[in-house]
Amino acid sequence: MRRLLVGTAAIALLACHGCTAPEPTATGLWGGEAAGLAVSLALVQVGSNVSGSGMLSATDVSVPLSVNGTITGLDLSLTLDTGIIGGIALVGRLRGDRIIGTLNGQAFSNHQLTLTRD
């Protein structure tokens, strides 16, 4: 019986020779908070391009965002465009179901941001 289990395990390993883990993706619904503002993004990744939409919200106001950028490996570089106050740069790293990065531009100066995938 033990030989059968060892043999089955060996066959399974050989069958997966060359298998790789799925590539990480930025696609999804993301949310977090920076400088007292709620940030929510809906992102779609196609190849190395990332695009989508989102919302930047304070207590009494919400500003829609358009999102465009790239991902290289796990490194993400996005522009969050409000259409009103200009672009905000989000530079971060994809870590499973989190994006850990910084916001720069407009009222943001190296503000830490952690987004979590819903």
Protein backbone atom coordinates (compact mmCIF):
# COMPACT_ATOMS: atom_id res chain seq x y z
CA MET A 1 0.00 0.00 0.00
CA ARG A 2 2.82 2.38 0.89
CA ARG A 3 4.51 1.75 -2.49
CA LEU A 4 1.26 2.56 -4.23
CA LEU A 5 1.01 5.94 -2.42
CA VAL A 6 4.65 6.80 -3.10
CA GLY A 7 4.25 5.80 -6.74
CA THR A 8 1.09 7.89 -7.12
CA ALA A 9 2.81 10.92 -5.56
CA ALA A 10 5.80 10.51 -7.91
CA ILE A 11 3.52 10.34 -10.96
CA ALA A 12 1.67 13.47 -9.81
CA LEU A 13 4.96 15.36 -9.43
CA LEU A 14 6.20 14.25 -12.84
CA ALA A 15 2.91 15.18 -14.48
CA CYS A 16 3.27 18.70 -13.15
CA HIS A 17 6.90 19.12 -14.25
CA GLY A 18 7.06 22.61 -15.65
CA CYS A 19 3.81 23.69 -13.98
CA THR A 20 3.89 27.19 -12.62
CA ALA A 21 1.72 29.03 -10.16
CA PRO A 22 -0.83 31.37 -11.69
CA GLU A 23 0.48 34.85 -12.41
CA PRO A 24 -0.64 37.47 -9.88
CA THR A 25 -3.25 39.85 -11.24
CA ALA A 26 -4.40 43.34 -10.33
CA THR A 27 -7.90 42.56 -11.59
CA GLY A 28 -10.51 43.00 -8.90
CA LEU A 29 -12.30 45.35 -6.53
CA TRP A 30 -9.94 47.11 -4.14
CA GLY A 31 -10.51 49.34 -1.13
CA GLY A 32 -8.48 51.21 1.44
CA GLU A 33 -7.86 54.50 3.18
CA ALA A 34 -5.21 57.21 2.88
CA ALA A 35 -5.00 60.58 4.62
CA GLY A 36 -8.56 60.21 5.90
CA LEU A 37 -9.97 59.51 2.45
CA ALA A 38 -11.55 56.25 1.32
CA VAL A 39 -10.15 54.88 -1.93
CA SER A 40 -12.06 52.28 -3.93
CA LEU A 41 -10.92 50.93 -7.29
CA ALA A 42 -12.30 48.45 -9.82
CA LEU A 43 -9.30 47.29 -11.88
CA VAL A 44 -8.88 45.09 -14.95
CA GLN A 45 -5.47 43.81 -16.02
CA VAL A 46 -4.82 42.77 -19.61
CA GLY A 47 -1.20 41.77 -20.07
CA SER A 48 0.86 44.48 -18.42
CA ASN A 49 -1.84 47.16 -18.81
CA VAL A 50 -4.16 48.02 -15.94
CA SER A 51 -7.25 50.20 -16.26
CA GLY A 52 -10.49 50.84 -14.47
CA SER A 53 -12.46 53.27 -12.41
CA GLY A 54 -12.87 54.21 -8.80
CA MET A 55 -13.89 56.68 -6.18
CA LEU A 56 -12.04 58.96 -3.79
CA SER A 57 -14.39 59.74 -0.89
CA ALA A 58 -14.40 61.98 2.15
CA THR A 59 -17.20 62.42 4.67
CA ASP A 60 -19.35 64.68 2.51
CA VAL A 61 -17.96 64.38 -1.02
CA SER A 62 -16.98 61.69 -3.50
CA VAL A 63 -14.87 62.20 -6.61
CA PRO A 64 -14.94 59.64 -9.45
CA LEU A 65 -11.62 58.37 -10.77
CA SER A 66 -10.43 56.90 -14.04
CA VAL A 67 -7.44 54.61 -13.63
CA ASN A 68 -4.68 53.73 -16.10
CA GLY A 69 -1.25 52.24 -15.65
CA THR A 70 0.98 49.22 -15.85
CA ILE A 71 2.15 46.24 -13.85
CA THR A 72 5.59 44.71 -14.23
CA GLY A 73 6.00 41.55 -12.20
CA LEU A 74 4.47 42.60 -8.90
CA ASP A 75 5.24 46.33 -9.30
CA LEU A 76 2.25 48.51 -10.06
CA SER A 77 2.28 52.08 -11.38
CA LEU A 78 -1.13 53.73 -11.76
CA THR A 79 -2.47 57.20 -12.46
CA LEU A 80 -5.72 58.02 -10.70
CA ASP A 81 -7.30 60.83 -12.73
CA THR A 82 -10.08 62.85 -11.13
CA GLY A 83 -10.75 64.95 -14.22
CA ILE A 84 -10.96 67.89 -11.81
CA ILE A 85 -7.74 68.23 -9.85
CA GLY A 86 -5.51 66.20 -12.14
CA GLY A 87 -3.67 62.95 -11.71
CA ILE A 88 -2.58 61.20 -8.55
CA ALA A 89 0.24 58.65 -8.85
CA LEU A 90 -0.17 55.32 -7.06
CA VAL A 91 3.05 53.31 -7.03
CA GLY A 92 2.95 50.04 -5.20
CA ARG A 93 3.53 46.33 -5.03
CA LEU A 94 0.98 43.56 -5.41
CA ARG A 95 1.14 41.13 -2.48
CA GLY A 96 -1.59 38.55 -2.84
CA ASP A 97 -4.86 40.30 -2.07
CA ARG A 98 -3.16 43.56 -1.09
CA ILE A 99 -1.57 46.46 -2.91
CA ILE A 100 0.91 48.30 -0.69
CA GLY A 101 2.07 51.63 -2.03
CA THR A 102 2.20 55.39 -1.88
CA LEU A 103 0.12 58.22 -3.31
CA ASN A 104 1.73 61.34 -4.76
CA GLY A 105 0.26 64.38 -6.45
CA GLN A 106 -2.30 67.01 -5.54
CA ALA A 107 -2.81 66.82 -1.74
CA PHE A 108 -0.76 63.62 -1.42
CA SER A 109 2.94 63.50 -0.69
CA ASN A 110 4.20 59.96 -0.10
CA HIS A 111 0.98 58.99 1.70
CA GLN A 112 1.01 55.29 2.52
CA LEU A 113 -1.89 53.31 1.09
CA THR A 114 -2.82 49.67 1.52
CA LEU A 115 -5.64 48.44 -0.69
CA THR A 116 -7.32 45.11 0.00
CA ARG A 117 -9.06 43.05 -2.68
CA ASP A 118 -12.72 42.37 -1.91
